[in-house]
Amino acid sequence: MSGTEASGCPPGERDLRNPRVGGGPADDTGCHILHVDMDAFYASVEIRDRPDLAGQPVIVGSPSGRSVVLSASYEARTFGVRSAMPAVRARRLCPQAIFIPPRRSVYSEVSRRVMAVFRSVTPMVEPLALDEAFLDVSGALRRLGSPASIGAAIRRQIEADHGITCSVGVAPRKFVAKIASVRCKPDGLLVVPRDGVLEFLHPLPVSALWGVGERTGQTLARLGLATVGDIAHTPLATLQHHLGTAAGSHLAALAWGQDRRAVTPHAPDKSIGAEETFAADITDPDVVRRELLRLSERTARALREAGCVARTVTVKLRLANFTTLTRSRTLPEPTDLARTIYATACALWEASGLDRQARLRLAGVRATGLVPASAAATQLAFGDRPTGWREAEQAMDRIARRFGTGTVRPAALVADPDGRRAPDGGG
């Protein structure tokens, strides 16, 4: 999940509040950018489908080994549980939590339908992840009303049609809208007026700005900079000296509310892939191949869902000592077939030069060089059928959408002698 899953305001209806004056309807003139973010997306979908989980601390992910929290309900977050936290730590913080294995195909389908709601409002939709997107509604104002009323209507429709809630930030700039959606979570809407951007930003902690991670935050703390306003009033040369020219300039601009980026619809994915940290380091070549198959299946399925084929396959291998290797190979033809991706991934692993006794902590398979499947012509060799493996894998996709991921899978992933989990079980 995205970082916007951090808890904000208390639950409930909180619409059109102006942070400057603390309560009245906000002036949304010129605030044509919306950031819409699902609230605890994976967990919310699970609770929707299992009403008995409502009001309970729910964590999506595996509770054992090196797995991480993929999503947590707000009840779990009151105990300090957060997305991307190691599952073992989450279990210590919230022993009564209910762990649910992820259902990625279900989340993808819900995401597809939610994005369709956005595109019914405006074609200017820029997805950031399965659970969030920017919308530029400037072209929809005459038809649908003010930006705030459009945001409120989106919230109502998503809850009515899909049984989950979202939070909406409305602002004149992309990054301000994103921060606003975080500040009103869960289930809220917050407008930042065009002439109130700096009054909204400057009291916030530096961590609210894009680009301020742990290391940058430590540098800013050493400089005595705790708020966005502190950054804004620090000489640019000082920021550039300590953070680098690009990073210093970037944070200075954001601190003054400057963000020239427009909403970019249909931004193509640069890569699609999957990786997994194993519950225990693995050395057995058969187990490595099985994991590469599992990851290749997930990658190929995601490519087909995105309507893409890939020119290049990359394998990521992390050893027990945290040494990480990546190896890539460009294919003769772009593909979305798991069998082709798997064969390439195995060849890359075998050619990596790793000692066969090397203990693997993590493996990943990623497809890059993406092009639309409709634009990729496949050259058939003499005697090849125009259908076959693609037909089979597309049939597996249809079965998975109807009955769940893992219902049909390669035989190598069915007979699992070491008791490892089925695909999509919390990687």
Protein backbone atom coordinates (compact mmCIF):
# COMPACT_ATOMS: atom_id res chain seq x y z
CA MET A 1 0.00 0.00 0.00
CA SER A 2 0.77 3.71 -0.34
CA GLY A 3 2.19 5.95 2.36
CA THR A 4 -1.14 7.81 2.47
CA GLU A 5 -2.57 5.04 4.60
CA ALA A 6 -1.29 6.89 7.70
CA SER A 7 -4.15 7.88 9.96
CA GLY A 8 -5.33 11.49 9.83
CA CYS A 9 -8.48 13.02 11.25
CA PRO A 10 -10.92 10.91 13.27
CA PRO A 11 -13.52 8.98 11.28
CA GLY A 12 -16.74 10.61 10.17
CA GLU A 13 -18.13 13.12 7.77
CA ARG A 14 -15.86 16.14 7.51
CA ASP A 15 -16.38 18.02 4.28
CA LEU A 16 -15.34 21.37 2.87
CA ARG A 17 -13.40 22.64 5.88
CA ASN A 18 -11.04 25.54 5.48
CA PRO A 19 -7.88 25.02 7.54
CA ARG A 20 -7.26 28.78 7.66
CA VAL A 21 -10.46 29.78 9.39
CA GLY A 22 -11.16 26.50 11.13
CA GLY A 23 -14.64 25.56 10.06
CA GLY A 24 -16.52 27.43 7.35
CA PRO A 25 -17.08 26.22 3.79
CA ALA A 26 -13.80 26.57 1.93
CA ASP A 27 -13.32 28.61 -1.21
CA ASP A 28 -12.36 26.03 -3.83
CA THR A 29 -12.02 28.52 -6.70
CA GLY A 30 -9.01 27.49 -8.77
CA CYS A 31 -8.58 24.23 -6.83
CA HIS A 32 -8.98 21.95 -9.82
CA ILE A 33 -6.68 19.14 -8.61
CA LEU A 34 -8.14 16.26 -6.59
CA HIS A 35 -6.16 13.51 -4.91
CA VAL A 36 -8.42 10.56 -4.13
CA ASP A 37 -7.04 7.84 -1.85
CA MET A 38 -8.83 4.71 -0.68
CA ASP A 39 -8.85 4.26 3.10
CA ALA A 40 -6.84 1.18 4.17
CA PHE A 41 -7.68 -0.27 0.77
CA TYR A 42 -6.85 -3.98 1.07
CA ALA A 43 -8.18 -4.19 4.62
CA SER A 44 -11.35 -2.31 3.67
CA VAL A 45 -12.07 -4.73 0.81
CA GLU A 46 -11.63 -7.70 3.17
CA ILE A 47 -13.95 -6.15 5.76
CA ARG A 48 -16.51 -5.35 3.07
CA ASP A 49 -16.52 -8.99 1.98
CA ARG A 50 -16.54 -10.28 5.57
CA PRO A 51 -18.83 -8.04 7.64
CA ASP A 52 -17.97 -10.04 10.77
CA LEU A 53 -14.56 -8.31 10.68
CA ALA A 54 -16.06 -4.83 11.04
CA GLY A 55 -14.70 -2.94 14.04
CA GLN A 56 -11.85 -5.41 14.57
CA PRO A 57 -8.09 -4.96 14.08
CA VAL A 58 -7.52 -6.50 10.65
CA ILE A 59 -4.11 -6.91 9.01
CA VAL A 60 -3.67 -8.06 5.42
CA GLY A 61 -0.53 -10.17 5.16
CA SER A 62 1.04 -13.28 6.59
CA PRO A 63 1.65 -13.26 10.36
CA SER A 64 4.84 -15.32 10.18
CA GLY A 65 8.39 -15.19 8.93
CA ARG A 66 9.69 -12.09 7.19
CA SER A 67 6.36 -10.99 5.75
CA VAL A 68 5.26 -7.39 6.02
CA VAL A 69 1.93 -5.70 6.63
CA LEU A 70 0.28 -4.91 3.30
CA SER A 71 -2.64 -3.04 4.85
CA ALA A 72 -4.14 -2.51 8.29
CA SER A 73 -7.57 -1.39 9.42
CA TYR A 74 -7.75 1.78 11.49
CA GLU A 75 -8.57 -0.33 14.54
CA ALA A 76 -5.18 -2.03 14.11
CA ARG A 77 -3.47 1.31 13.59
CA THR A 78 -4.50 2.50 17.03
CA PHE A 79 -1.93 -0.04 18.29
CA GLY A 80 0.80 1.43 16.09
CA VAL A 81 0.51 -1.03 13.20
CA ARG A 82 1.42 0.49 9.83
CA SER A 83 1.79 -0.67 6.23
CA ALA A 84 5.21 -2.14 5.33
CA MET A 85 5.89 -2.94 9.00
CA PRO A 86 7.33 -6.42 9.63
CA ALA A 87 4.48 -8.76 10.44
CA VAL A 88 6.29 -10.08 13.52
CA ARG A 89 6.41 -6.57 14.98
CA ALA A 90 2.76 -5.96 14.08
CA ARG A 91 1.82 -9.14 15.94
CA ARG A 92 3.71 -7.94 19.02
CA LEU A 93 1.99 -4.55 18.91
CA CYS A 94 -1.46 -6.02 18.36
CA PRO A 95 -1.64 -9.68 19.49
CA GLN A 96 -5.40 -9.78 18.91
CA ALA A 97 -5.11 -8.75 15.25
CA ILE A 98 -6.80 -10.89 12.63
CA PHE A 99 -4.39 -11.65 9.78
CA ILE A 100 -5.96 -12.13 6.35
CA PRO A 101 -4.00 -13.52 3.36
CA PRO A 102 -4.05 -11.05 0.46
CA ARG A 103 -6.27 -11.53 -2.58
CA ARG A 104 -4.44 -9.48 -5.18
CA SER A 105 -6.76 -10.28 -8.08
CA VAL A 106 -9.74 -9.03 -6.05
CA TYR A 107 -7.96 -5.78 -5.17
CA SER A 108 -7.01 -5.27 -8.82
CA GLU A 109 -10.59 -5.70 -9.92
CA VAL A 110 -11.92 -3.28 -7.29
CA SER A 111 -9.21 -0.82 -8.32
CA ARG A 112 -10.24 -1.11 -11.96
CA ARG A 113 -13.82 -0.26 -11.07
CA VAL A 114 -12.81 2.64 -8.83
CA MET A 115 -10.64 4.09 -11.59
CA ALA A 116 -13.65 3.79 -13.90
CA VAL A 117 -15.56 6.03 -11.48
CA PHE A 118 -12.77 8.61 -11.72
CA ARG A 119 -12.77 8.46 -15.52
CA SER A 120 -16.54 8.95 -15.61
CA VAL A 121 -15.81 12.37 -14.07
CA THR A 122 -12.81 13.38 -16.20
CA PRO A 123 -10.38 11.77 -18.63
CA MET A 124 -7.58 13.57 -16.78
CA VAL A 125 -6.82 10.78 -14.31
CA GLU A 126 -3.29 9.90 -13.20
CA PRO A 127 -3.20 6.68 -11.15
CA LEU A 128 -0.38 6.47 -8.60
CA ALA A 129 -1.17 2.97 -7.35
CA LEU A 130 -4.11 0.60 -7.13
CA ASP A 131 -5.65 2.75 -4.41
CA GLU A 132 -4.99 6.39 -5.34
CA ALA A 133 -5.03 8.83 -8.22
CA PHE A 134 -4.84 12.48 -9.14
CA LEU A 135 -7.73 14.02 -11.07
CA ASP A 136 -7.78 17.33 -12.92
CA VAL A 137 -11.46 18.33 -12.88
CA SER A 138 -11.08 21.74 -14.57
CA GLY A 139 -12.91 20.43 -17.65
CA ALA A 140 -15.80 19.01 -15.62
CA LEU A 141 -16.79 22.09 -13.59
CA ARG A 142 -19.52 23.33 -15.91
CA ARG A 143 -21.09 19.86 -16.07
CA LEU A 144 -20.65 18.66 -12.49
CA GLY A 145 -20.18 21.71 -10.27
CA SER A 146 -17.37 22.91 -8.03
CA PRO A 147 -14.22 20.85 -7.30
CA ALA A 148 -15.34 20.21 -3.73
CA SER A 149 -18.79 19.05 -4.80
CA ILE A 150 -17.19 16.74 -7.37
CA GLY A 151 -14.94 15.28 -4.66
CA ALA A 152 -17.93 14.74 -2.38
CA ALA A 153 -19.86 13.03 -5.20
CA ILE A 154 -16.93 10.70 -5.90
CA ARG A 155 -16.81 9.70 -2.24
CA ARG A 156 -20.53 8.96 -2.18
CA GLN A 157 -20.44 6.92 -5.38
CA ILE A 158 -17.47 4.80 -4.34
CA GLU A 159 -19.04 3.98 -0.99
CA ALA A 160 -22.45 3.25 -2.55
CA ASP A 161 -21.15 1.15 -5.45
CA HIS A 162 -18.16 -0.58 -3.87
CA GLY A 163 -18.74 -0.55 -0.10
CA ILE A 164 -15.44 1.13 0.79
CA THR A 165 -14.50 4.69 1.70
CA CYS A 166 -11.96 7.14 0.37
CA SER A 167 -10.48 10.49 1.34
CA VAL A 168 -10.18 13.44 -1.03
CA GLY A 169 -7.78 16.36 -1.02
CA VAL A 170 -8.76 19.39 -3.14
CA ALA A 171 -6.11 21.98 -3.94
CA PRO A 172 -4.51 24.08 -6.70
CA ARG A 173 -1.35 21.91 -6.77
CA LYS A 174 -0.80 18.16 -6.96
CA PHE A 175 1.39 17.69 -3.92
CA VAL A 176 -0.84 19.94 -1.78
CA ALA A 177 -3.89 17.86 -2.75
CA LYS A 178 -2.02 14.70 -1.77
CA ILE A 179 -1.07 16.10 1.62
CA ALA A 180 -4.66 17.26 2.15
CA SER A 181 -6.04 13.76 1.55
CA VAL A 182 -3.67 12.41 4.21
CA ARG A 183 -4.71 15.09 6.71
CA CYS A 184 -8.42 14.21 6.46
CA LYS A 185 -8.15 10.42 6.62
CA PRO A 186 -10.13 8.31 6.99
CA ASP A 187 -13.36 9.07 5.10
CA GLY A 188 -12.92 12.82 4.75
CA LEU A 189 -12.60 15.67 2.30
CA LEU A 190 -10.33 18.68 2.77
CA VAL A 191 -10.09 21.78 0.59
CA VAL A 192 -6.92 23.88 0.68
CA PRO A 193 -7.86 27.30 -0.81
CA ARG A 194 -5.60 28.80 -3.43
CA ASP A 195 -4.73 31.74 -1.18
CA GLY A 196 -4.32 29.53 1.88
CA VAL A 197 -1.67 27.09 0.63
CA LEU A 198 1.21 28.51 2.67
CA GLU A 199 -0.88 28.78 5.82
CA PHE A 200 -1.77 25.12 5.36
CA LEU A 201 1.76 23.94 4.57
CA HIS A 202 4.04 25.88 6.88
CA PRO A 203 2.91 24.42 10.25
CA LEU A 204 3.27 20.83 8.95
CA PRO A 205 6.24 18.62 9.89
CA VAL A 206 8.98 18.36 7.27
CA SER A 207 8.04 14.70 6.74
CA ALA A 208 4.85 15.87 5.01
CA LEU A 209 6.82 16.90 1.91
CA TRP A 210 7.57 14.52 -0.94
CA GLY A 211 11.20 13.55 -0.88
CA VAL A 212 11.69 13.75 2.88
CA GLY A 213 12.54 10.23 3.97
CA GLU A 214 14.44 9.04 7.00
CA ARG A 215 17.88 10.22 5.86
CA THR A 216 16.72 13.63 4.64
CA GLY A 217 14.67 14.04 7.78
CA GLN A 218 17.76 13.43 9.90
CA THR A 219 19.72 16.05 7.95
CA LEU A 220 16.94 18.60 8.36
CA ALA A 221 16.73 17.83 12.08
CA ARG A 222 20.46 18.48 12.46
CA LEU A 223 19.86 21.86 10.85
CA GLY A 224 17.09 22.54 13.37
CA LEU A 225 14.36 22.45 10.71
CA ALA A 226 11.19 20.84 12.07
CA THR A 227 8.39 22.33 9.95
CA VAL A 228 7.76 23.12 6.31
CA GLY A 229 7.85 26.78 7.27
CA ASP A 230 11.36 26.29 8.66
CA ILE A 231 12.48 24.96 5.27
CA ALA A 232 10.78 27.84 3.46
CA HIS A 233 12.69 30.41 5.50
CA THR A 234 16.08 28.71 5.22
CA PRO A 235 18.44 30.16 2.56
CA LEU A 236 18.40 28.08 -0.60
CA ALA A 237 22.19 27.87 -0.58
CA THR A 238 22.10 26.25 2.87
CA LEU A 239 19.60 23.62 1.75
CA GLN A 240 21.59 22.87 -1.39
CA HIS A 241 24.85 22.61 0.56
CA HIS A 242 23.48 20.02 2.98
CA LEU A 243 21.02 18.16 0.72
CA GLY A 244 22.51 18.57 -2.73
CA THR A 245 21.54 21.04 -5.43
CA ALA A 246 18.56 19.12 -6.83
CA ALA A 247 17.09 17.98 -3.51
CA GLY A 248 17.59 21.37 -1.86
CA SER A 249 15.91 23.18 -4.75
CA HIS A 250 13.07 20.65 -4.79
CA LEU A 251 12.25 21.02 -1.10
CA ALA A 252 12.54 24.80 -1.20
CA ALA A 253 10.02 24.96 -4.05
CA LEU A 254 7.58 22.66 -2.30
CA ALA A 255 7.89 24.62 0.94
CA TRP A 256 6.64 27.67 -0.95
CA GLY A 257 3.79 25.72 -2.54
CA GLN A 258 5.40 25.55 -5.98
CA ASP A 259 4.62 22.46 -8.04
CA ARG A 260 4.50 22.85 -11.82
CA ARG A 261 3.57 19.25 -12.58
CA ALA A 262 0.28 18.72 -14.35
CA VAL A 263 -1.97 15.68 -14.02
CA THR A 264 -0.72 13.22 -16.65
CA PRO A 265 -3.43 10.77 -17.72
CA HIS A 266 -2.65 7.24 -18.83
CA ALA A 267 0.97 7.48 -17.73
CA PRO A 268 2.45 4.15 -18.87
CA ASP A 269 3.89 1.81 -16.29
CA LYS A 270 7.68 1.70 -16.48
CA SER A 271 7.80 -1.82 -15.07
CA ILE A 272 5.66 -4.56 -13.60
CA GLY A 273 6.92 -7.25 -11.29
CA ALA A 274 6.79 -9.13 -8.03
CA GLU A 275 9.27 -10.04 -5.35
CA GLU A 276 9.22 -12.02 -2.14
CA THR A 277 11.29 -12.17 1.02
CA PHE A 278 11.37 -15.78 2.14
CA ALA A 279 10.37 -16.92 5.62
CA ALA A 280 13.74 -18.73 5.77
CA ASP A 281 16.78 -18.44 3.51
CA ILE A 282 16.69 -20.99 0.69
CA THR A 283 19.49 -22.89 -1.04
CA ASP A 284 17.70 -25.78 -2.75
CA PRO A 285 17.74 -25.13 -6.55
CA ASP A 286 14.33 -26.78 -6.93
CA VAL A 287 12.83 -24.40 -4.38
CA VAL A 288 14.48 -21.42 -6.10
CA ARG A 289 13.00 -22.46 -9.44
CA ARG A 290 9.59 -22.92 -7.85
CA GLU A 291 9.74 -19.42 -6.36
CA LEU A 292 10.82 -17.96 -9.71
CA LEU A 293 7.84 -19.70 -11.30
CA ARG A 294 5.52 -18.28 -8.66
CA LEU A 295 6.86 -14.76 -9.25
CA SER A 296 6.80 -15.16 -13.04
CA GLU A 297 3.13 -16.17 -12.86
CA ARG A 298 2.30 -13.07 -10.83
CA THR A 299 4.27 -10.80 -13.16
CA ALA A 300 2.69 -12.23 -16.31
CA ARG A 301 -0.80 -11.95 -14.85
CA ALA A 302 -0.18 -8.30 -13.92
CA LEU A 303 1.09 -7.61 -17.45
CA ARG A 304 -2.07 -9.03 -18.98
CA GLU A 305 -4.26 -7.08 -16.56
CA ALA A 306 -2.44 -3.91 -17.62
CA GLY A 307 -2.76 -4.77 -21.32
CA CYS A 308 1.03 -4.71 -21.73
CA VAL A 309 3.81 -6.92 -22.98
CA ALA A 310 7.45 -6.60 -21.89
CA ARG A 311 10.68 -6.47 -23.85
CA THR A 312 13.02 -7.16 -20.92
CA VAL A 313 13.00 -9.51 -17.92
CA THR A 314 15.02 -8.70 -14.80
CA VAL A 315 15.77 -11.01 -11.88
CA LYS A 316 16.64 -9.63 -8.44
CA LEU A 317 18.51 -11.89 -6.00
CA ARG A 318 19.31 -10.89 -2.43
CA LEU A 319 21.59 -13.07 -0.35
CA ALA A 320 21.45 -13.73 3.38
CA ASN A 321 24.22 -11.14 3.88
CA PHE A 322 22.02 -8.57 2.04
CA THR A 323 24.23 -8.51 -1.06
CA THR A 324 21.84 -7.84 -3.96
CA LEU A 325 22.37 -8.79 -7.61
CA THR A 326 20.21 -7.92 -10.61
CA ARG A 327 20.46 -9.53 -14.03
CA SER A 328 18.46 -8.58 -17.13
CA ARG A 329 17.84 -9.97 -20.61
CA THR A 330 16.03 -8.37 -23.55
CA LEU A 331 13.75 -10.81 -25.35
CA PRO A 332 13.55 -11.35 -29.13
CA GLU A 333 9.85 -10.43 -28.90
CA PRO A 334 7.88 -8.68 -26.15
CA THR A 335 5.79 -11.09 -24.08
CA ASP A 336 3.16 -11.44 -21.37
CA LEU A 337 3.52 -15.21 -21.05
CA ALA A 338 4.54 -16.67 -17.71
CA ARG A 339 6.35 -19.60 -19.33
CA THR A 340 8.60 -17.23 -21.32
CA ILE A 341 9.26 -14.98 -18.34
CA TYR A 342 9.97 -18.01 -16.16
CA ALA A 343 12.40 -19.57 -18.63
CA THR A 344 14.25 -16.26 -18.87
CA ALA A 345 14.28 -15.79 -15.09
CA CYS A 346 15.74 -19.27 -14.57
CA ALA A 347 18.41 -18.65 -17.19
CA LEU A 348 19.36 -15.37 -15.53
CA TRP A 349 19.56 -17.02 -12.10
CA GLU A 350 21.67 -19.88 -13.43
CA ALA A 351 24.01 -17.42 -15.18
CA SER A 352 24.29 -15.14 -12.14
CA GLY A 353 27.50 -16.81 -10.98
CA LEU A 354 26.08 -17.50 -7.53
CA ASP A 355 27.35 -20.55 -5.73
CA ARG A 356 24.53 -23.09 -5.67
CA GLN A 357 24.92 -23.18 -1.87
CA ALA A 358 24.37 -19.42 -1.63
CA ARG A 359 21.52 -18.68 0.76
CA LEU A 360 18.83 -16.57 -0.89
CA ARG A 361 16.84 -14.19 1.29
CA LEU A 362 14.76 -12.58 -1.47
CA ALA A 363 13.98 -13.10 -5.13
CA GLY A 364 12.18 -10.87 -7.57
CA VAL A 365 11.07 -10.98 -11.20
CA ARG A 366 10.37 -7.72 -13.05
CA ALA A 367 9.27 -6.95 -16.60
CA THR A 368 10.41 -3.69 -18.21
CA GLY A 369 10.34 -2.08 -21.63
CA LEU A 370 6.55 -2.21 -21.63
CA VAL A 371 4.49 -1.63 -24.75
CA PRO A 372 0.73 -2.01 -25.30
CA ALA A 373 -0.15 -5.60 -26.16
CA SER A 374 -2.34 -4.36 -29.01
CA ALA A 375 0.68 -2.70 -30.64
CA ALA A 376 3.02 -5.71 -30.36
CA ALA A 377 3.06 -8.00 -33.34
CA THR A 378 4.23 -11.56 -32.74
CA GLN A 379 6.20 -13.31 -35.45
CA LEU A 380 5.16 -16.97 -35.59
CA ALA A 381 7.75 -19.59 -36.42
CA PHE A 382 6.87 -22.13 -39.13
CA GLY A 383 4.37 -24.59 -37.73
CA ASP A 384 3.47 -22.53 -34.65
CA ARG A 385 -0.17 -22.19 -33.70
CA PRO A 386 -1.45 -18.62 -33.29
CA THR A 387 -2.96 -19.70 -29.97
CA GLY A 388 -1.92 -22.14 -27.27
CA TRP A 389 -0.02 -20.99 -24.24
CA ARG A 390 -1.55 -17.53 -24.41
CA GLU A 391 -5.02 -19.11 -24.59
CA ALA A 392 -4.22 -21.27 -21.58
CA GLU A 393 -2.91 -18.42 -19.47
CA GLN A 394 -5.83 -16.16 -20.38
CA ALA A 395 -8.18 -18.97 -19.35
CA MET A 396 -6.36 -19.14 -16.00
CA ASP A 397 -6.89 -15.37 -15.64
CA ARG A 398 -10.64 -15.79 -16.13
CA ILE A 399 -10.80 -18.60 -13.57
CA ALA A 400 -8.78 -16.55 -11.08
CA ARG A 401 -11.10 -13.55 -11.46
CA ARG A 402 -14.11 -15.73 -10.77
CA PHE A 403 -12.84 -18.17 -8.14
CA GLY A 404 -9.71 -16.52 -6.72
CA THR A 405 -5.99 -16.55 -7.39
CA GLY A 406 -4.41 -19.97 -6.95
CA THR A 407 -7.50 -21.94 -8.00
CA VAL A 408 -5.61 -23.06 -11.11
CA ARG A 409 -1.82 -23.05 -11.14
CA PRO A 410 1.15 -24.95 -12.55
CA ALA A 411 1.65 -28.43 -11.14
CA ALA A 412 5.00 -27.40 -9.65
CA LEU A 413 3.15 -25.01 -7.36
CA VAL A 414 0.53 -27.53 -6.28
CA ALA A 415 2.76 -30.22 -4.84
CA ASP A 416 4.80 -28.24 -2.34
CA PRO A 417 6.79 -30.71 -0.23
CA ASP A 418 8.21 -28.12 2.16
CA GLY A 419 4.80 -26.73 3.01
CA ARG A 420 5.33 -23.29 1.50
CA ARG A 421 2.25 -21.13 0.97
CA ALA A 422 0.34 -20.88 -2.27
CA PRO A 423 0.88 -17.96 -4.65
CA ASP A 424 -0.25 -14.54 -3.44
CA GLY A 425 -0.17 -15.64 0.18
CA GLY A 426 1.49 -12.58 1.63
CA GLY A 427 4.65 -11.80 -0.29
